[in-house]
Protein backbone atom coordinates (compact mmCIF):
# COMPACT_ATOMS: atom_id res chain seq x y z
CA MET A 1 295.61 301.88 285.84
CA SER A 2 296.86 303.14 282.51
CA PHE A 3 295.35 303.40 279.04
CA VAL A 4 296.36 304.72 275.63
CA VAL A 5 294.03 307.11 273.83
CA GLY A 6 294.47 308.35 270.27
CA THR A 7 293.08 311.22 268.29
CA ALA A 8 291.62 311.12 264.78
CA GLY A 9 290.18 313.72 262.45
CA HIS A 10 290.63 316.09 259.53
CA ILE A 11 293.53 318.52 259.25
CA ASP A 12 293.14 321.81 261.16
CA HIS A 13 290.19 320.59 263.19
CA GLY A 14 292.09 321.28 266.40
CA LYS A 15 293.42 317.93 267.57
CA SER A 16 296.77 319.23 268.80
CA THR A 17 295.25 322.38 270.26
CA LEU A 18 292.71 320.29 272.16
CA ILE A 19 295.44 318.04 273.60
CA THR A 20 297.45 321.09 274.70
CA ALA A 21 294.38 322.53 276.41
CA LEU A 22 293.66 319.23 278.20
CA THR A 23 297.21 318.30 279.24
CA GLY A 24 299.33 321.43 279.07
CA ILE A 25 301.66 319.53 276.69
CA ASP A 26 302.07 320.60 273.06
CA PRO A 27 302.31 317.33 271.05
CA ASP A 28 303.78 319.10 268.01
CA ARG A 29 307.50 318.60 268.65
CA LEU A 30 309.01 319.26 265.19
CA ALA A 31 310.25 322.71 264.19
CA GLU A 32 308.46 322.37 260.85
CA GLU A 33 305.21 321.63 262.67
CA LYS A 34 305.64 324.80 264.71
CA ARG A 35 306.44 326.85 261.60
CA ARG A 36 303.58 325.49 259.50
CA GLY A 37 301.05 325.17 262.30
CA MET A 38 300.27 321.64 261.11
CA THR A 39 300.89 318.22 262.61
CA ILE A 40 303.17 316.16 260.37
CA ASP A 41 304.22 313.21 262.51
CA LEU A 42 303.00 311.52 265.66
CA GLY A 43 302.89 313.55 268.83
CA PHE A 44 302.54 312.41 272.41
CA ALA A 45 301.17 313.71 275.69
CA HIS A 46 299.80 312.30 278.93
CA MET A 47 297.43 313.27 281.72
CA THR A 48 295.77 311.99 284.88
CA LEU A 49 291.98 311.81 284.80
CA PRO A 50 289.81 312.79 287.81
CA SER A 51 289.56 309.11 288.87
CA GLY A 52 293.34 308.81 289.02
CA ARG A 53 293.55 306.84 285.79
CA GLU A 54 296.59 307.76 283.76
CA ILE A 55 296.39 307.97 279.98
CA GLY A 56 298.99 308.31 277.30
CA ILE A 57 297.76 310.28 274.32
CA VAL A 58 298.84 309.75 270.71
CA ASP A 59 298.18 312.73 268.45
CA VAL A 60 298.02 311.92 264.73
CA PRO A 61 298.35 314.15 261.66
CA GLY A 62 295.13 314.92 259.80
CA HIS A 63 296.54 315.72 256.35
CA ALA A 64 295.98 313.03 253.71
CA ARG A 65 299.68 313.20 252.73
CA PHE A 66 300.67 311.93 256.18
CA MET A 67 298.22 309.03 256.40
CA ARG A 68 301.05 306.53 256.95
CA ASN A 69 302.02 308.45 260.08
CA MET A 70 298.42 308.45 261.28
CA LEU A 71 298.22 304.68 260.79
CA ALA A 72 301.48 304.15 262.69
CA GLY A 73 299.89 305.78 265.74
CA ALA A 74 296.45 304.17 265.52
CA HIS A 75 297.48 300.72 266.77
CA GLY A 76 297.12 299.50 270.33
CA LEU A 77 294.55 302.12 271.32
CA ASP A 78 292.17 301.56 274.22
CA ALA A 79 289.99 304.45 273.08
CA VAL A 80 289.89 307.22 270.48
CA VAL A 81 288.74 310.82 270.40
CA LEU A 82 287.41 311.72 266.94
CA VAL A 83 287.87 315.45 266.52
CA VAL A 84 285.47 317.38 264.27
CA ALA A 85 285.59 321.17 263.93
CA ALA A 86 282.13 322.66 264.48
CA ASP A 87 282.66 325.36 261.86
CA GLU A 88 283.45 322.84 259.08
CA GLY A 89 281.72 319.63 260.09
CA VAL A 90 282.58 316.22 258.65
CA MET A 91 285.38 316.41 256.06
CA PRO A 92 287.16 313.83 253.87
CA GLN A 93 289.82 312.91 256.42
CA THR A 94 287.18 312.73 259.12
CA ARG A 95 285.58 309.94 257.13
CA GLU A 96 288.87 308.19 256.25
CA HIS A 97 290.14 308.34 259.83
CA LEU A 98 286.79 306.97 260.99
CA ASP A 99 287.04 304.17 258.43
CA ILE A 100 290.47 303.27 259.81
CA ILE A 101 289.24 303.30 263.41
CA ASP A 102 286.37 301.05 262.31
CA LEU A 103 288.67 298.63 260.43
CA LEU A 104 290.97 298.48 263.47
CA ASP A 105 287.88 297.71 265.58
CA VAL A 106 288.46 300.43 268.19
CA ARG A 107 285.11 300.25 269.96
CA ARG A 108 285.50 302.86 272.69
CA GLY A 109 285.51 306.48 271.73
CA LEU A 110 284.13 309.97 271.94
CA VAL A 111 283.59 312.74 269.44
CA ALA A 112 285.01 316.12 270.41
CA LEU A 113 283.16 318.85 268.49
CA THR A 114 285.82 321.60 268.59
CA LYS A 115 285.83 325.33 267.81
CA THR A 116 282.32 325.76 269.15
CA ASP A 117 283.18 329.37 269.96
CA LEU A 118 283.04 330.06 266.19
CA VAL A 119 279.43 328.89 265.57
CA ASP A 120 275.93 329.56 266.88
CA GLU A 121 273.61 327.06 268.55
CA ASP A 122 271.61 326.25 265.41
CA TRP A 123 274.73 325.46 263.40
CA LEU A 124 276.13 323.41 266.28
CA ALA A 125 272.94 321.33 266.36
CA LEU A 126 273.16 320.65 262.62
CA VAL A 127 276.80 319.60 262.83
CA THR A 128 276.07 317.38 265.83
CA GLU A 129 273.40 315.52 263.87
CA GLU A 130 275.77 315.20 260.90
CA VAL A 131 278.42 313.67 263.14
CA ARG A 132 275.96 311.20 264.68
CA ALA A 133 274.82 310.11 261.23
CA THR A 134 278.44 309.71 260.12
CA ILE A 135 279.45 307.41 263.00
CA ASN A 136 276.25 305.37 262.69
CA GLY A 137 277.08 301.77 261.79
CA THR A 138 280.79 302.13 262.66
CA SER A 139 282.69 300.93 265.71
CA LEU A 140 282.00 304.36 267.28
CA ASP A 141 278.23 304.07 266.75
CA GLY A 142 276.43 305.69 269.68
CA SER A 143 279.50 307.46 271.05
CA LYS A 144 278.93 310.71 272.91
CA VAL A 145 279.36 313.95 270.95
CA ILE A 146 280.74 316.65 273.26
CA PRO A 147 281.03 320.33 272.19
CA VAL A 148 284.28 321.96 273.34
CA SER A 149 286.37 325.04 272.80
CA ALA A 150 290.10 324.96 273.46
CA VAL A 151 290.09 328.76 273.33
CA THR A 152 287.43 329.45 275.98
CA GLY A 153 287.75 326.15 277.86
CA ALA A 154 284.07 325.40 277.40
CA GLY A 155 283.27 321.68 277.52
CA LEU A 156 286.82 320.54 278.46
CA ALA A 157 285.74 319.36 281.92
CA GLN A 158 282.80 317.47 280.41
CA LEU A 159 285.10 315.86 277.81
CA THR A 160 287.55 314.78 280.53
CA ALA A 161 284.77 313.34 282.67
CA ALA A 162 283.25 311.50 279.70
CA LEU A 163 286.62 310.00 278.79
CA ASP A 164 287.11 308.93 282.41
CA ALA A 165 283.68 307.27 282.45
CA LEU A 166 284.38 305.57 279.13
CA LEU A 167 287.62 304.04 280.39
CA GLU A 168 285.95 302.98 283.63
CA LYS A 169 284.07 300.41 281.51
CA SER A 170 287.30 299.21 279.90
CA SER A 171 289.04 296.16 281.26
CA LEU A 172 292.79 296.34 281.63
CA ARG A 173 294.76 294.70 278.85
CA GLU A 174 295.95 291.26 280.01
CA ASP A 175 299.65 290.68 280.53
CA SER A 176 300.28 287.58 278.38
CA GLY A 177 303.95 287.49 279.27
CA ARG A 178 304.84 288.08 275.60
CA PRO A 179 305.63 291.80 275.41
CA ARG A 180 305.63 293.52 272.04
CA LEU A 181 306.68 297.10 271.52
CA PRO A 182 306.00 298.20 267.93
CA ILE A 183 308.49 301.00 267.39
CA ASP A 184 306.96 304.23 266.10
CA ARG A 185 309.90 306.56 266.83
CA VAL A 186 313.70 306.14 266.96
CA PHE A 187 316.14 308.81 268.13
CA THR A 188 319.35 309.30 270.07
CA MET A 189 319.93 311.21 273.30
CA SER A 190 323.28 312.57 274.29
CA GLY A 191 324.76 310.47 277.04
CA PHE A 192 322.16 307.72 276.61
CA GLY A 193 322.34 306.53 273.02
CA THR A 194 319.51 304.87 271.13
CA VAL A 195 315.94 305.41 272.31
CA VAL A 196 312.75 303.94 270.85
CA THR A 197 309.13 304.67 271.69
CA GLY A 198 305.92 302.78 271.12
CA THR A 199 302.67 301.52 272.58
CA LEU A 200 303.38 298.40 274.63
CA VAL A 201 301.03 295.46 274.09
CA ASP A 202 300.73 291.87 275.34
CA GLY A 203 303.24 292.01 278.19
CA SER A 204 305.64 293.89 280.42
CA LEU A 205 309.19 295.23 280.04
CA SER A 206 311.87 295.60 282.70
CA VAL A 207 315.21 297.35 282.84
CA GLY A 208 318.06 294.92 282.18
CA GLU A 209 316.04 292.53 280.02
CA GLU A 210 317.51 291.15 276.82
CA MET A 211 315.16 291.69 273.87
CA GLU A 212 315.14 290.93 270.17
CA VAL A 213 314.43 293.34 267.33
CA VAL A 214 312.08 291.67 264.83
CA PRO A 215 312.54 291.25 261.95
CA GLY A 216 316.31 291.02 261.81
CA GLY A 217 316.95 289.18 265.06
CA ARG A 218 319.33 291.77 266.55
CA LEU A 219 319.67 291.25 270.32
CA VAL A 220 319.60 294.34 272.52
CA ARG A 221 319.34 295.12 276.23
CA ILE A 222 317.04 297.62 277.92
CA ARG A 223 319.21 300.19 279.72
CA GLY A 224 316.33 302.33 280.88
CA LEU A 225 312.57 302.84 280.64
CA GLN A 226 310.36 305.91 280.80
CA ARG A 227 306.60 306.14 281.13
CA HIS A 228 304.98 309.56 280.93
CA ASN A 229 308.44 311.14 281.12
CA GLN A 230 309.21 309.38 284.41
CA LYS A 231 311.92 306.75 284.87
CA VAL A 232 310.56 303.33 285.83
CA GLN A 233 312.08 299.90 286.41
CA SER A 234 309.25 298.07 284.67
CA VAL A 235 306.12 298.88 282.70
CA GLY A 236 303.02 296.89 281.75
CA PRO A 237 300.76 296.75 278.70
CA SER A 238 298.58 299.69 277.56
CA ASN A 239 301.34 302.20 278.16
CA ARG A 240 303.28 304.59 276.01
CA VAL A 241 306.91 303.59 276.59
CA ALA A 242 310.32 305.01 275.84
CA ALA A 243 313.11 302.42 275.99
CA ASN A 244 316.82 303.23 276.05
CA LEU A 245 318.58 300.35 274.25
CA SER A 246 322.17 299.17 274.33
CA GLY A 247 323.79 297.08 271.63
CA ILE A 248 322.28 298.84 268.63
CA GLU A 249 322.58 302.12 266.74
CA LYS A 250 319.74 304.38 265.62
CA SER A 251 320.61 303.65 261.97
CA GLU A 252 319.92 299.96 262.56
CA LEU A 253 316.30 300.53 263.61
CA SER A 254 313.23 301.69 261.71
CA ARG A 255 309.64 302.56 262.45
CA GLY A 256 307.71 299.31 262.25
CA ASP A 257 310.37 297.14 263.88
CA VAL A 258 309.12 295.37 266.99
CA LEU A 259 310.89 294.84 270.29
CA ALA A 260 310.00 291.38 271.65
CA ARG A 261 311.29 288.62 273.88
CA ARG A 262 313.95 286.49 272.21
CA GLY A 263 312.35 283.86 269.98
CA ALA A 264 308.77 284.97 270.69
CA LEU A 265 308.20 286.52 267.25
CA HIS A 266 309.57 285.81 263.80
CA GLY A 267 309.68 287.82 260.63
CA VAL A 268 306.86 286.72 258.30
CA ARG A 269 306.14 287.32 254.62
CA ARG A 270 302.98 285.27 254.07
CA ILE A 271 299.82 285.78 256.14
CA ASP A 272 296.29 284.35 256.07
CA ALA A 273 293.65 286.90 256.97
CA THR A 274 289.98 287.70 257.00
CA LEU A 275 289.30 290.87 255.00
CA ARG A 276 286.46 293.39 254.91
CA ALA A 277 286.27 295.90 252.10
CA LEU A 278 284.89 299.32 252.98
CA ALA A 279 281.41 299.95 251.65
CA SER A 280 282.64 303.39 250.62
CA ALA A 281 285.71 302.04 248.80
CA ALA A 282 286.09 303.34 245.26
CA GLN A 283 287.30 299.97 244.04
CA PRO A 284 287.05 296.29 244.98
CA VAL A 285 289.95 294.28 246.38
CA ARG A 286 290.91 292.33 243.28
CA HIS A 287 292.80 289.05 243.26
CA GLY A 288 296.49 289.83 242.82
CA ALA A 289 296.12 293.50 243.72
CA GLU A 290 299.31 295.29 244.77
CA LEU A 291 298.41 297.24 247.91
CA LEU A 292 299.99 298.79 251.00
CA LEU A 293 299.49 296.95 254.28
CA HIS A 294 299.55 298.83 257.58
CA THR A 295 299.71 296.96 260.88
CA ALA A 296 301.06 298.14 264.21
CA ALA A 297 303.60 300.81 263.19
CA VAL A 298 304.72 299.23 259.91
CA GLU A 299 303.84 299.92 256.29
CA VAL A 300 304.75 297.29 253.69
CA ALA A 301 303.77 296.56 250.10
CA CYS A 302 301.85 293.34 249.57
CA ARG A 303 300.12 291.25 246.93
CA THR A 304 296.61 290.20 247.83
CA ILE A 305 295.51 286.67 246.95
CA VAL A 306 291.72 286.39 247.18
CA LEU A 307 291.12 282.75 248.08
CA ASP A 308 287.42 282.22 247.40
CA ALA A 309 286.53 284.70 244.63
CA ASP A 310 288.06 286.90 241.95
CA GLU A 311 287.52 290.02 244.04
CA ILE A 312 285.98 291.31 247.24
CA ALA A 313 283.47 294.01 246.37
CA PRO A 314 282.98 297.17 248.45
CA GLY A 315 281.05 296.21 251.56
CA GLY A 316 281.96 292.54 251.14
CA SER A 317 284.29 290.25 253.03
CA GLY A 318 286.36 287.16 252.35
CA TRP A 319 289.53 285.18 252.96
CA VAL A 320 292.87 286.36 251.62
CA GLN A 321 296.50 285.36 251.70
CA LEU A 322 298.89 288.30 251.76
CA TYR A 323 302.37 288.09 250.24
CA LEU A 324 304.57 290.81 251.74
CA GLU A 325 307.40 292.56 249.98
CA ARG A 326 309.64 292.06 253.02
CA PRO A 327 309.39 290.33 256.41
CA ILE A 328 307.56 292.04 259.25
CA ALA A 329 306.80 291.12 262.86
CA ALA A 330 303.17 290.07 263.23
CA ALA A 331 300.97 287.81 265.34
CA ALA A 332 297.64 286.11 264.78
CA GLY A 333 294.83 288.37 265.92
CA ASP A 334 296.56 291.60 264.88
CA ARG A 335 294.37 294.08 262.98
CA PHE A 336 295.51 295.63 259.70
CA VAL A 337 294.49 298.15 257.05
CA LEU A 338 294.96 297.95 253.27
CA ARG A 339 295.37 301.08 251.15
CA ALA A 340 295.66 301.55 247.43
CA PRO A 341 298.92 303.35 246.56
CA SER A 342 297.62 305.42 243.66
CA PRO A 343 295.36 307.21 243.98
CA ALA A 344 296.03 306.86 247.68
CA MET A 345 292.96 305.64 249.57
CA THR A 346 291.92 303.25 252.30
CA ILE A 347 289.94 300.36 250.85
CA ALA A 348 289.89 297.45 253.33
CA GLY A 349 291.14 295.92 256.54
CA GLY A 350 290.81 292.90 258.74
CA THR A 351 292.46 290.46 261.11
CA PHE A 352 295.49 288.19 260.73
CA LEU A 353 294.48 284.56 261.24
CA ASP A 354 297.74 282.71 260.59
CA VAL A 355 301.15 284.33 260.28
CA ALA A 356 302.94 281.14 259.17
CA PRO A 357 300.60 279.49 256.66
CA ARG A 358 301.30 277.24 253.74
CA LYS A 359 300.61 278.44 250.24
CA HIS A 360 296.95 277.75 249.50
CA ALA A 361 295.13 276.67 246.39
CA ARG A 362 292.35 279.11 245.49
CA HIS A 363 288.68 278.09 245.57
CA ASP A 364 289.50 275.22 247.96
CA SER A 365 286.61 274.51 250.34
CA ALA A 366 288.93 272.81 252.85
CA VAL A 367 291.04 275.98 253.08
CA ARG A 368 287.96 278.12 253.61
CA GLU A 369 286.66 275.78 256.31
CA SER A 370 290.02 275.80 258.08
CA LEU A 371 290.20 279.60 258.01
CA ALA A 372 286.62 279.87 259.23
CA ARG A 373 287.36 277.62 262.19
CA ARG A 374 290.51 279.60 262.96
CA ALA A 375 288.57 282.88 262.74
CA ALA A 376 285.97 281.44 265.12
CA GLY A 377 288.67 280.98 267.73
CA ASP A 378 289.69 277.39 266.98
CA VAL A 379 293.30 278.51 266.66
CA LEU A 380 295.03 275.62 268.42
CA GLN A 381 293.19 272.99 266.39
CA GLN A 382 293.92 274.70 263.09
CA GLU A 383 297.56 275.30 264.00
CA LEU A 384 297.90 271.61 264.87
CA ARG A 385 296.75 270.66 261.37
CA LYS A 386 299.94 272.25 260.03
CA TYR A 387 302.11 269.53 261.61
CA PRO A 388 301.58 266.24 259.75
CA ARG A 389 304.33 264.58 261.80
CA GLY A 390 303.25 265.95 265.16
CA VAL A 391 304.52 268.78 267.34
CA THR A 392 305.43 269.25 270.98
CA VAL A 393 302.76 270.86 273.11
CA GLN A 394 305.16 273.65 274.06
CA ALA A 395 305.94 274.44 270.41
CA LEU A 396 302.25 274.42 269.52
CA LEU A 397 301.39 276.88 272.27
CA LYS A 398 304.33 279.06 271.31
CA ALA A 399 303.26 279.13 267.65
CA THR A 400 299.76 280.25 268.58
CA VAL A 401 300.82 282.79 271.23
CA ALA A 402 298.56 280.89 273.63
CA ALA A 403 300.73 279.85 276.56
CA ASP A 404 297.73 279.20 278.82
CA ALA A 405 295.48 277.44 276.28
CA ASP A 406 294.00 274.08 277.21
CA VAL A 407 295.33 271.42 274.85
CA ALA A 408 293.05 268.90 276.55
CA THR A 409 290.17 270.37 274.56
CA LEU A 410 291.83 269.52 271.25
CA ASP A 411 290.54 266.76 269.00
CA ALA A 412 293.98 265.15 268.91
CA ARG A 413 296.19 262.28 270.02
CA ARG A 414 298.46 263.21 272.95
CA LEU A 415 301.53 261.04 273.56
CA GLY A 416 303.73 262.42 276.31
CA ASP A 417 305.05 265.81 275.25
CA TRP A 418 303.92 265.24 271.67
CA ILE A 419 300.54 265.88 270.13
CA PHE A 420 299.13 264.80 266.77
CA SER A 421 295.98 265.86 264.98
CA HIS A 422 293.71 262.88 264.33
CA GLU A 423 294.30 263.31 260.59
CA ALA A 424 298.06 263.23 261.12
CA TRP A 425 297.85 260.22 263.43
CA ARG A 426 295.68 258.27 261.00
CA SER A 427 298.19 259.00 258.25
CA ILE A 428 301.15 257.88 260.38
CA THR A 429 299.33 254.72 261.45
CA ALA A 430 298.38 253.77 257.89
CA HIS A 431 301.88 254.50 256.64
CA ALA A 432 303.47 252.36 259.37
CA SER A 433 301.17 249.43 258.57
CA GLU A 434 301.93 249.70 254.86
CA GLU A 435 305.68 249.82 255.40
CA LEU A 436 305.74 246.86 257.79
CA THR A 437 303.54 244.76 255.52
CA ALA A 438 305.83 245.45 252.56
CA TYR A 439 308.91 244.69 254.68
CA HIS A 440 307.52 241.37 255.87
CA GLY A 441 306.75 240.45 252.28
CA ALA A 442 310.31 241.21 251.22
CA HIS A 443 311.91 239.59 254.29
CA PRO A 444 309.60 236.80 255.53
CA LEU A 445 312.34 235.16 257.63
CA ARG A 446 313.00 238.32 259.67
CA SER A 447 311.04 238.90 262.85
CA GLY A 448 310.73 242.61 262.16
CA MET A 449 312.16 245.87 260.88
CA ALA A 450 314.91 247.81 262.64
CA ARG A 451 313.55 250.80 264.58
CA GLU A 452 315.67 253.36 262.75
CA GLU A 453 314.63 252.00 259.36
CA LEU A 454 310.94 252.42 260.21
CA ARG A 455 311.59 255.93 261.53
CA SER A 456 313.29 256.84 258.27
CA ARG A 457 310.45 255.41 256.21
CA LEU A 458 307.82 257.25 258.22
CA GLY A 459 309.72 260.53 257.98
CA VAL A 460 309.15 261.46 261.63
CA SER A 461 311.78 263.20 263.70
CA PRO A 462 314.09 261.26 266.05
CA ALA A 463 312.68 263.32 268.92
CA SER A 464 309.09 262.19 268.30
CA PHE A 465 309.76 258.59 267.25
CA ALA A 466 309.59 257.09 270.75
CA ALA A 467 306.17 258.71 271.22
CA VAL A 468 305.04 257.47 267.80
CA ILE A 469 306.04 253.86 268.60
CA GLU A 470 304.37 254.11 272.00
CA GLY A 471 301.14 255.14 270.31
CA LEU A 472 301.36 252.48 267.60
CA VAL A 473 301.94 249.78 270.23
CA GLN A 474 299.04 251.10 272.32
CA ASP A 475 296.80 250.97 269.26
CA GLY A 476 297.83 247.41 268.50
CA ARG A 477 299.31 248.35 265.14
CA VAL A 478 302.92 247.42 265.99
CA VAL A 479 304.66 244.90 268.23
CA GLU A 480 308.26 245.00 269.41
CA ARG A 481 310.31 241.79 269.13
CA ASN A 482 313.98 241.45 269.96
CA GLY A 483 314.52 245.16 269.40
CA SER A 484 312.74 245.19 266.03
CA LEU A 485 309.23 246.24 265.01
CA ALA A 486 306.61 244.09 263.30
CA SER A 487 302.96 243.91 262.38
CA PRO A 488 300.98 242.11 265.10
CA GLY A 489 300.07 239.20 262.83
CA HIS A 490 303.55 238.58 261.46
CA GLU A 491 305.19 235.25 262.30
CA VAL A 492 308.38 233.83 260.84
CA GLN A 493 307.44 230.58 259.05
CA LEU A 494 310.34 228.14 258.86
CA ASP A 495 310.35 224.96 256.76
CA GLU A 496 311.38 222.25 259.20
CA ALA A 497 312.89 220.25 256.31
CA GLY A 498 315.37 221.30 253.64
CA PRO A 499 318.22 223.77 254.31
CA GLN A 500 317.08 224.45 257.87
CA ALA A 501 317.31 220.81 258.91
CA ASP A 502 320.56 220.36 256.99
CA LEU A 503 322.16 223.35 258.75
CA LEU A 504 321.20 222.08 262.19
CA ARG A 505 322.52 218.61 261.23
CA VAL A 506 325.87 220.00 260.04
CA LEU A 507 326.33 222.18 263.16
CA GLY A 508 325.19 219.40 265.46
CA ALA A 509 327.41 216.67 263.99
CA LYS A 510 330.31 217.91 266.09
CA PRO A 511 328.47 220.19 268.53
CA PHE A 512 331.56 221.61 270.30
CA THR A 513 333.73 221.83 267.18
CA PRO A 514 331.31 223.02 264.50
CA PRO A 515 332.62 224.01 261.08
CA SER A 516 332.79 227.69 260.27
CA LEU A 517 329.36 229.16 259.69
CA GLN A 518 330.26 229.90 256.07
CA GLU A 519 331.19 226.24 255.51
CA ALA A 520 328.01 225.05 257.21
CA MET A 521 325.89 227.34 255.01
CA GLN A 522 327.61 226.04 251.87
CA GLN A 523 327.11 222.39 252.92
CA SER A 524 323.44 222.87 253.83
CA GLY A 525 322.39 225.47 251.26
CA ALA A 526 321.15 227.75 254.06
CA SER A 527 320.92 231.50 253.38
CA GLU A 528 321.96 234.37 255.61
CA GLU A 529 318.26 235.12 256.12
CA LEU A 530 317.67 231.56 257.36
CA VAL A 531 320.62 231.78 259.75
CA ARG A 532 319.24 235.05 261.12
CA ALA A 533 315.79 233.51 261.57
CA LEU A 534 317.14 230.41 263.35
CA ALA A 535 319.20 232.62 265.66
CA GLU A 536 316.20 234.83 266.46
CA ARG A 537 314.06 231.76 267.17
CA GLY A 538 316.82 230.33 269.40
CA ASP A 539 317.59 227.16 267.42
CA ILE A 540 321.20 228.26 267.09
CA VAL A 541 323.40 230.70 269.00
CA ARG A 542 325.68 232.80 266.80
CA VAL A 543 328.61 233.73 269.02
CA SER A 544 330.60 235.49 266.26
CA ASP A 545 330.31 236.26 262.58
CA ASP A 546 331.66 232.82 261.72
CA VAL A 547 330.93 230.60 264.75
CA ALA A 548 327.51 229.22 265.70
CA PHE A 549 326.43 226.43 268.06
CA ILE A 550 323.18 224.54 268.17
CA LYS A 551 321.22 225.59 271.26
CA SER A 552 321.87 222.40 273.25
CA ALA A 553 325.63 222.58 272.64
CA PHE A 554 325.73 226.24 273.70
CA ASP A 555 323.83 225.50 276.91
CA SER A 556 326.18 222.61 277.71
CA ALA A 557 329.25 224.77 277.08
CA VAL A 558 327.94 227.50 279.40
CA ALA A 559 327.33 224.86 282.07
CA MET A 560 330.94 223.69 281.64
CA VAL A 561 332.19 227.27 282.11
CA LYS A 562 330.27 227.63 285.36
CA GLU A 563 331.45 224.23 286.59
CA ILE A 564 335.14 225.00 285.94
CA VAL A 565 334.84 228.40 287.60
CA GLY A 566 333.10 226.77 290.55
CA ILE A 567 336.05 224.41 291.02
CA ASN A 568 339.00 226.66 290.08
CA GLY A 569 337.61 230.16 290.67
CA SER A 570 338.18 231.04 286.99
CA VAL A 571 338.33 229.53 283.56
CA THR A 572 340.88 229.88 280.76
CA VAL A 573 340.60 229.23 277.05
CA ALA A 574 342.86 226.16 277.45
CA GLN A 575 340.81 224.72 280.32
CA LEU A 576 337.52 225.07 278.46
CA ARG A 577 339.09 223.80 275.23
CA ASP A 578 340.28 220.64 276.97
CA ARG A 579 336.93 220.11 278.69
CA MET A 580 334.95 220.59 275.43
CA GLY A 581 337.44 218.66 273.31
CA ALA A 582 337.35 221.54 270.85
CA SER A 583 339.78 223.69 268.97
CA ARG A 584 340.77 227.17 270.20
CA ARG A 585 338.72 229.04 267.55
CA PRO A 586 335.15 228.19 268.74
CA VAL A 587 336.15 228.26 272.42
CA LEU A 588 337.64 231.75 272.21
CA ALA A 589 334.59 233.00 270.28
CA LEU A 590 332.31 231.50 272.93
CA LEU A 591 334.12 233.14 275.86
CA GLU A 592 334.22 236.55 274.12
CA TYR A 593 330.49 236.20 273.50
CA LEU A 594 329.90 235.48 277.20
CA ASP A 595 332.03 238.53 278.04
CA ALA A 596 329.80 240.63 275.80
CA LEU A 597 326.69 239.20 277.50
CA ARG A 598 328.27 240.11 280.88
CA VAL A 599 328.10 236.49 282.02
CA THR A 600 331.87 236.50 282.47
CA ARG A 601 334.56 239.12 282.68
CA ARG A 602 338.15 238.78 281.59
CA VAL A 603 340.99 239.21 284.08
CA GLY A 604 344.35 238.60 282.37
CA ASP A 605 344.10 235.27 280.57
CA ALA A 606 341.25 234.00 282.75
CA ARG A 607 337.50 234.64 283.03
CA LEU A 608 335.50 235.12 286.20
CA LEU A 609 331.77 234.89 286.57
CA ARG A 610 330.09 238.26 287.07
């Protein structure tokens, strides 16, 4: 079992010294850190607890100037050790680091009261009470406060045991099969090339896997993996990981990039979120405020759109849409922190609800209700609402990072691989009815609309159209006739007198030698629409663009074909022409029509029955 534990606390309160005393590893790796005796960037160590649990430790800088580095290391933690020096007590960065831990909702932690060798018992008791009052009401409320001294070793065993007991209550992070490695360090190693490190969340990595750097989409391959300075072939979530990558240079990577499976994440610039402003914030979160967003290991400028008010006051909460200066990799459910750039201060934080939202109108109750349902865990249903023309189940699950979610619980219409929200399905159904009604009004002699024309009018994709028609037929809103689509109540109404009767009379006057269809239409006054309707009803058989027989003549001619073939084994144009007493033109058109219907097949100059 493995966990990731981070430190937090004011500068010079002994975070790095404590880690060195616990692990034997000095997390300060930079020469400038050694020279100045101050942590500047993230440091890392690891240790095995008495139970055998292994932990990776992320040491963060305490100076206010390096807050962005602290925030880059505070993501993905299973627990935190808040470090407070007993000789100084709670200081400004103690409070700001605690605010960040609270906004990131890290709920397992301890307080290490360091440098106890410098104070007496009375002072230690006062500082302990101050610390307990400070963490009251935060995510670390009720956490143990353990006095320690890295110099004398006092309390180190108790701190280790307490951390072990704390993690015993922690469940292992689930492997969702969607690994994400937010990159917090990039460097090169001689003989190996590009190496990145980060805290692995949501899945596992293996040597040889192809991965994608998000944003940017650069494909890379994992050449090697290390966990706690040991080579491994694979590594699971809740681990500090170093990955040796091929196919990319150090200069092409930055802190904040994310290593993910190909296609699993996309760069995003607009995000819906729930936001909580710190009660201690010196200013509200105003609509349109330009702030700095920190999530995972990335820092990016953003504009904050407050959706249901003009501002979110200190201590308040609300819904926001964040417009980012550049794309980042993010997923729904990720925690974030907002800081004001000048004067630099932490003012708010929250949770991403939707990383691919539409632009919202402000003060819209429907938007607020949708976000509230999404925040309450109704993610699939709210994601489905974003697809007015339906979506495949696989794509829906992929968009919500919920591969094992139960779509059967959705209030939706499922048609094969496609799924439609009830609002979307009602809209499609109403639109289809309106279009068919209008079409029947414009073309009363046609039995229905061509399938592709209805698809185009509905605006649904070719991939989903078969499912849409299946649903419309099931609902009794559409019927299929002769390959076309119609409203259930639509019937072609033909006037048995007038041009219809005249056309049938003209074609039937010489049934086996009818005039060209164009001539017959001119003599009878019949329109192309009427000809189409008579053909669909079966009164006439149109064997070519310009040749049509009345139904009885066509049936008789087909019978003649079968009779001649029965006697001779085949039939030629000349044989059928002589039998029908017709000219070559209608006979040839008839035989080619029968070929097309696969009644006959041509062999040389003759036709055989199939």
